Amino acid sequence: MEGSRTEQAIRRIEAALNRIEAASDKLAPASGIDSELAARHEALRGEVAATLRDLDRLIEGLEQ
């Protein structure tokens, strides 16, 4: 059951990230995107991905 809760949490996080990305795509103009802003965005995405991997490892550790 614990694995199921973990999987559900991960699915909810991934769905939220997808909604955030979709919303940001709608807000960002198709052309003329500030390259500095785009670089900061990519850096933040990398940090979020690393944090999610860390959380996943922590959750796995709790399940053991």
PDB file of N, CA and C in Angstrom:
ATOM      1  N   MET A   1       0.830  -1.191   0.000  1.00  0.00           N
ATOM      2  CA  MET A   1       0.000   0.000   0.000  1.00  0.00           C
ATOM      3  C   MET A   1       0.876   1.256   0.000  1.00  0.00           C
ATOM      4  N   GLU A   2       1.997   1.190   0.742  1.00  0.00           N
ATOM      5  CA  GLU A   2       2.880   2.351   0.830  1.00  0.00           C
ATOM      6  C   GLU A   2       3.412   2.723  -0.551  1.00  0.00           C
ATOM      7  N   GLY A   3       3.793   1.712  -1.352  1.00  0.00           N
ATOM      8  CA  GLY A   3       4.271   1.976  -2.699  1.00  0.00           C
ATOM      9  C   GLY A   3       3.207   2.666  -3.525  1.00  0.00           C
ATOM     10  N   SER A   4       1.993   2.292  -3.339  1.00  0.00           N
ATOM     11  CA  SER A   4       0.890   2.910  -4.064  1.00  0.00           C
ATOM     12  C   SER A   4       0.773   4.387  -3.712  1.00  0.00           C
ATOM     13  N   ARG A   5       0.935   4.724  -2.437  1.00  0.00           N
ATOM     14  CA  ARG A   5       0.865   6.129  -2.012  1.00  0.00           C
ATOM     15  C   ARG A   5       2.014   6.916  -2.623  1.00  0.00           C
ATOM     16  N   THR A   6       3.169   6.301  -2.658  1.00  0.00           N
ATOM     17  CA  THR A   6       4.337   6.956  -3.243  1.00  0.00           C
ATOM     18  C   THR A   6       4.126   7.192  -4.729  1.00  0.00           C
ATOM     19  N   GLU A   7       3.652   6.182  -5.407  1.00  0.00           N
ATOM     20  CA  GLU A   7       3.397   6.309  -6.845  1.00  0.00           C
ATOM     21  C   GLU A   7       2.351   7.390  -7.115  1.00  0.00           C
ATOM     22  N   GLN A   8       1.324   7.441  -6.288  1.00  0.00           N
ATOM     23  CA  GLN A   8       0.301   8.471  -6.450  1.00  0.00           C
ATOM     24  C   GLN A   8       0.890   9.858  -6.242  1.00  0.00           C
ATOM     25  N   ALA A   9       1.741   9.997  -5.246  1.00  0.00           N
ATOM     26  CA  ALA A   9       2.369  11.293  -4.983  1.00  0.00           C
ATOM     27  C   ALA A   9       3.240  11.720  -6.146  1.00  0.00           C
ATOM     28  N   ILE A  10       3.996  10.795  -6.684  1.00  0.00           N
ATOM     29  CA  ILE A  10       4.859  11.106  -7.828  1.00  0.00           C
ATOM     30  C   ILE A  10       4.014  11.498  -9.031  1.00  0.00           C
ATOM     31  N   ARG A  11       2.931  10.772  -9.266  1.00  0.00           N
ATOM     32  CA  ARG A  11       2.046  11.122 -10.390  1.00  0.00           C
ATOM     33  C   ARG A  11       1.455  12.517 -10.209  1.00  0.00           C
ATOM     34  N   ARG A  12       1.069  12.862  -8.975  1.00  0.00           N
ATOM     35  CA  ARG A  12       0.513  14.197  -8.718  1.00  0.00           C
ATOM     36  C   ARG A  12       1.570  15.278  -8.946  1.00  0.00           C
ATOM     37  N   ILE A  13       2.793  15.022  -8.510  1.00  0.00           N
ATOM     38  CA  ILE A  13       3.876  15.989  -8.718  1.00  0.00           C
ATOM     39  C   ILE A  13       4.150  16.163 -10.211  1.00  0.00           C
ATOM     40  N   GLU A  14       4.219  15.047 -10.933  1.00  0.00           N
ATOM     41  CA  GLU A  14       4.468  15.131 -12.375  1.00  0.00           C
ATOM     42  C   GLU A  14       3.329  15.861 -13.095  1.00  0.00           C
ATOM     43  N   ALA A  15       2.101  15.605 -12.688  1.00  0.00           N
ATOM     44  CA  ALA A  15       0.957  16.293 -13.294  1.00  0.00           C
ATOM     45  C   ALA A  15       1.025  17.789 -13.012  1.00  0.00           C
ATOM     46  N   ALA A  16       1.405  18.143 -11.785  1.00  0.00           N
ATOM     47  CA  ALA A  16       1.535  19.563 -11.448  1.00  0.00           C
ATOM     48  C   ALA A  16       2.626  20.219 -12.279  1.00  0.00           C
ATOM     49  N   LEU A  17       3.748  19.534 -12.448  1.00  0.00           N
ATOM     50  CA  LEU A  17       4.834  20.078 -13.279  1.00  0.00           C
ATOM     51  C   LEU A  17       4.369  20.268 -14.726  1.00  0.00           C
ATOM     52  N   ASN A  18       3.606  19.321 -15.227  1.00  0.00           N
ATOM     53  CA  ASN A  18       3.082  19.448 -16.590  1.00  0.00           C
ATOM     54  C   ASN A  18       2.146  20.642 -16.712  1.00  0.00           C
ATOM     55  N   ARG A  19       1.303  20.862 -15.692  1.00  0.00           N
ATOM     56  CA  ARG A  19       0.399  22.009 -15.723  1.00  0.00           C
ATOM     57  C   ARG A  19       1.174  23.319 -15.655  1.00  0.00           C
ATOM     58  N   ILE A  20       2.207  23.346 -14.835  1.00  0.00           N
ATOM     59  CA  ILE A  20       3.037  24.553 -14.729  1.00  0.00           C
ATOM     60  C   ILE A  20       3.711  24.833 -16.062  1.00  0.00           C
ATOM     61  N   GLU A  21       4.256  23.801 -16.678  1.00  0.00           N
ATOM     62  CA  GLU A  21       4.932  23.987 -17.972  1.00  0.00           C
ATOM     63  C   GLU A  21       3.949  24.462 -19.033  1.00  0.00           C
ATOM     64  N   ALA A  22       2.760  23.875 -19.059  1.00  0.00           N
ATOM     65  CA  ALA A  22       1.758  24.280 -20.045  1.00  0.00           C
ATOM     66  C   ALA A  22       1.354  25.736 -19.831  1.00  0.00           C
ATOM     67  N   ALA A  23       1.189  26.124 -18.587  1.00  0.00           N
ATOM     68  CA  ALA A  23       0.819  27.507 -18.288  1.00  0.00           C
ATOM     69  C   ALA A  23       1.937  28.464 -18.676  1.00  0.00           C
ATOM     70  N   SER A  24       3.176  28.073 -18.422  1.00  0.00           N
ATOM     71  CA  SER A  24       4.292  28.956 -18.774  1.00  0.00           C
ATOM     72  C   SER A  24       4.427  29.090 -20.283  1.00  0.00           C
ATOM     73  N   ASP A  25       4.115  28.019 -21.013  1.00  0.00           N
ATOM     74  CA  ASP A  25       4.156  28.100 -22.473  1.00  0.00           C
ATOM     75  C   ASP A  25       3.114  29.086 -23.003  1.00  0.00           C
ATOM     76  N   LYS A  26       1.964  29.134 -22.348  1.00  0.00           N
ATOM     77  CA  LYS A  26       0.915  30.061 -22.764  1.00  0.00           C
ATOM     78  C   LYS A  26       1.291  31.506 -22.451  1.00  0.00           C
ATOM     79  N   LEU A  27       2.005  31.700 -21.338  1.00  0.00           N
ATOM     80  CA  LEU A  27       2.355  33.049 -20.920  1.00  0.00           C
ATOM     81  C   LEU A  27       3.556  33.612 -21.675  1.00  0.00           C
ATOM     82  N   ALA A  28       4.472  32.752 -22.051  1.00  0.00           N
ATOM     83  CA  ALA A  28       5.691  33.214 -22.729  1.00  0.00           C
ATOM     84  C   ALA A  28       5.382  33.539 -24.183  1.00  0.00           C
ATOM     85  N   PRO A  29       5.840  34.691 -24.642  1.00  0.00           N
ATOM     86  CA  PRO A  29       5.636  35.015 -26.055  1.00  0.00           C
ATOM     87  C   PRO A  29       6.410  34.038 -26.931  1.00  0.00           C
ATOM     88  N   ALA A  30       5.846  33.740 -28.083  1.00  0.00           N
ATOM     89  CA  ALA A  30       6.459  32.766 -28.986  1.00  0.00           C
ATOM     90  C   ALA A  30       7.816  33.247 -29.497  1.00  0.00           C
ATOM     91  N   SER A  31       7.983  34.544 -29.643  1.00  0.00           N
ATOM     92  CA  SER A  31       9.256  35.057 -30.130  1.00  0.00           C
ATOM     93  C   SER A  31       9.778  36.114 -29.175  1.00  0.00           C
ATOM     94  N   GLY A  32      11.059  36.345 -29.240  1.00  0.00           N
ATOM     95  CA  GLY A  32      11.643  37.388 -28.425  1.00  0.00           C
ATOM     96  C   GLY A  32      11.788  37.030 -26.963  1.00  0.00           C
ATOM     97  N   ILE A  33      11.874  35.738 -26.659  1.00  0.00           N
ATOM     98  CA  ILE A  33      12.047  35.326 -25.275  1.00  0.00           C
ATOM     99  C   ILE A  33      13.438  35.766 -24.822  1.00  0.00           C
ATOM    100  N   ASP A  34      13.487  36.407 -23.691  1.00  0.00           N
ATOM    101  CA  ASP A  34      14.743  36.867 -23.112  1.00  0.00           C
ATOM    102  C   ASP A  34      15.649  35.659 -22.872  1.00  0.00           C
ATOM    103  N   SER A  35      16.827  35.663 -23.475  1.00  0.00           N
ATOM    104  CA  SER A  35      17.715  34.508 -23.360  1.00  0.00           C
ATOM    105  C   SER A  35      18.182  34.292 -21.927  1.00  0.00           C
ATOM    106  N   GLU A  36      18.361  35.378 -21.175  1.00  0.00           N
ATOM    107  CA  GLU A  36      18.759  35.221 -19.773  1.00  0.00           C
ATOM    108  C   GLU A  36      17.647  34.551 -18.977  1.00  0.00           C
ATOM    109  N   LEU A  37      16.411  34.960 -19.235  1.00  0.00           N
ATOM    110  CA  LEU A  37      15.274  34.359 -18.555  1.00  0.00           C
ATOM    111  C   LEU A  37      15.159  32.881 -18.920  1.00  0.00           C
ATOM    112  N   ALA A  38      15.356  32.571 -20.190  1.00  0.00           N
ATOM    113  CA  ALA A  38      15.285  31.178 -20.630  1.00  0.00           C
ATOM    114  C   ALA A  38      16.366  30.347 -19.949  1.00  0.00           C
ATOM    115  N   ALA A  39      17.569  30.892 -19.811  1.00  0.00           N
ATOM    116  CA  ALA A  39      18.655  30.176 -19.147  1.00  0.00           C
ATOM    117  C   ALA A  39      18.332  29.952 -17.672  1.00  0.00           C
ATOM    118  N   ARG A  40      17.781  30.969 -17.018  1.00  0.00           N
ATOM    119  CA  ARG A  40      17.394  30.840 -15.613  1.00  0.00           C
ATOM    120  C   ARG A  40      16.288  29.793 -15.454  1.00  0.00           C
ATOM    121  N   HIS A  41      15.370  29.785 -16.403  1.00  0.00           N
ATOM    122  CA  HIS A  41      14.275  28.813 -16.379  1.00  0.00           C
ATOM    123  C   HIS A  41      14.830  27.395 -16.477  1.00  0.00           C
ATOM    124  N   GLU A  42      15.737  27.174 -17.400  1.00  0.00           N
ATOM    125  CA  GLU A  42      16.323  25.842 -17.567  1.00  0.00           C
ATOM    126  C   GLU A  42      17.110  25.428 -16.333  1.00  0.00           C
ATOM    127  N   ALA A  43      17.836  26.376 -15.733  1.00  0.00           N
ATOM    128  CA  ALA A  43      18.581  26.073 -14.519  1.00  0.00           C
ATOM    129  C   ALA A  43      17.626  25.671 -13.399  1.00  0.00           C
ATOM    130  N   LEU A  44      16.528  26.394 -13.277  1.00  0.00           N
ATOM    131  CA  LEU A  44      15.534  26.082 -12.254  1.00  0.00           C
ATOM    132  C   LEU A  44      14.908  24.719 -12.497  1.00  0.00           C
ATOM    133  N   ARG A  45      14.614  24.422 -13.752  1.00  0.00           N
ATOM    134  CA  ARG A  45      14.057  23.101 -14.079  1.00  0.00           C
ATOM    135  C   ARG A  45      15.018  22.001 -13.651  1.00  0.00           C
ATOM    136  N   GLY A  46      16.301  22.227 -13.878  1.00  0.00           N
ATOM    137  CA  GLY A  46      17.294  21.239 -13.468  1.00  0.00           C
ATOM    138  C   GLY A  46      17.328  21.056 -11.963  1.00  0.00           C
ATOM    139  N   GLU A  47      17.248  22.165 -11.237  1.00  0.00           N
ATOM    140  CA  GLU A  47      17.226  22.093  -9.779  1.00  0.00           C
ATOM    141  C   GLU A  47      15.988  21.361  -9.275  1.00  0.00           C
ATOM    142  N   VAL A  48      14.853  21.647  -9.891  1.00  0.00           N
ATOM    143  CA  VAL A  48      13.609  20.980  -9.486  1.00  0.00           C
ATOM    144  C   VAL A  48      13.704  19.487  -9.775  1.00  0.00           C
ATOM    145  N   ALA A  49      14.234  19.129 -10.930  1.00  0.00           N
ATOM    146  CA  ALA A  49      14.375  17.713 -11.273  1.00  0.00           C
ATOM    147  C   ALA A  49      15.287  17.010 -10.267  1.00  0.00           C
ATOM    148  N   ALA A  50      16.390  17.656  -9.897  1.00  0.00           N
ATOM    149  CA  ALA A  50      17.305  17.059  -8.916  1.00  0.00           C
ATOM    150  C   ALA A  50      16.619  16.905  -7.564  1.00  0.00           C
ATOM    151  N   THR A  51      15.847  17.900  -7.162  1.00  0.00           N
ATOM    152  CA  THR A  51      15.137  17.833  -5.886  1.00  0.00           C
ATOM    153  C   THR A  51      14.107  16.712  -5.901  1.00  0.00           C
ATOM    154  N   LEU A  52      13.412  16.556  -7.024  1.00  0.00           N
ATOM    155  CA  LEU A  52      12.427  15.473  -7.124  1.00  0.00           C
ATOM    156  C   LEU A  52      13.111  14.109  -7.058  1.00  0.00           C
ATOM    157  N   ARG A  53      14.285  13.986  -7.657  1.00  0.00           N
ATOM    158  CA  ARG A  53      15.030  12.723  -7.556  1.00  0.00           C
ATOM    159  C   ARG A  53      15.416  12.461  -6.095  1.00  0.00           C
ATOM    160  N   ASP A  54      15.853  13.507  -5.406  1.00  0.00           N
ATOM    161  CA  ASP A  54      16.200  13.364  -3.989  1.00  0.00           C
ATOM    162  C   ASP A  54      14.982  12.925  -3.171  1.00  0.00           C
ATOM    163  N   LEU A  55      13.849  13.552  -3.428  1.00  0.00           N
ATOM    164  CA  LEU A  55      12.622  13.181  -2.715  1.00  0.00           C
ATOM    165  C   LEU A  55      12.241  11.731  -3.004  1.00  0.00           C
ATOM    166  N   ASP A  56      12.403  11.331  -4.245  1.00  0.00           N
ATOM    167  CA  ASP A  56      12.091   9.963  -4.628  1.00  0.00           C
ATOM    168  C   ASP A  56      12.967   8.983  -3.853  1.00  0.00           C
ATOM    169  N   ARG A  57      14.267   9.308  -3.736  1.00  0.00           N
ATOM    170  CA  ARG A  57      15.174   8.437  -2.977  1.00  0.00           C
ATOM    171  C   ARG A  57      14.775   8.402  -1.508  1.00  0.00           C
ATOM    172  N   LEU A  58      14.399   9.534  -0.947  1.00  0.00           N
ATOM    173  CA  LEU A  58      13.978   9.577   0.446  1.00  0.00           C
ATOM    174  C   LEU A  58      12.725   8.734   0.669  1.00  0.00           C
ATOM    175  N   ILE A  59      11.778   8.859  -0.233  1.00  0.00           N
ATOM    176  CA  ILE A  59      10.539   8.085  -0.128  1.00  0.00           C
ATOM    177  C   ILE A  59      10.846   6.585  -0.230  1.00  0.00           C
ATOM    178  N   GLU A  60      11.719   6.229  -1.160  1.00  0.00           N
ATOM    179  CA  GLU A  60      12.095   4.819  -1.291  1.00  0.00           C
ATOM    180  C   GLU A  60      12.734   4.313  -0.002  1.00  0.00           C
ATOM    181  N   GLY A  61      13.572   5.149   0.619  1.00  0.00           N
ATOM    182  CA  GLY A  61      14.211   4.778   1.873  1.00  0.00           C
ATOM    183  C   GLY A  61      13.197   4.546   2.988  1.00  0.00           C
ATOM    184  N   LEU A  62      12.136   5.341   3.006  1.00  0.00           N
ATOM    185  CA  LEU A  62      11.105   5.167   4.029  1.00  0.00           C
ATOM    186  C   LEU A  62      10.319   3.877   3.827  1.00  0.00           C
ATOM    187  N   GLU A  63      10.205   3.441   2.589  1.00  0.00           N
ATOM    188  CA  GLU A  63       9.422   2.249   2.278  1.00  0.00           C
ATOM    189  C   GLU A  63      10.160   0.970   2.672  1.00  0.00           C
ATOM    190  N   GLN A  64      11.470   1.061   2.829  1.00  0.00           N
ATOM    191  CA  GLN A  64      12.248  -0.140   3.128  1.00  0.00           C
ATOM    192  C   GLN A  64      12.178  -0.531   4.573  1.00  0.00           C
TER     193      GLN A  64
END
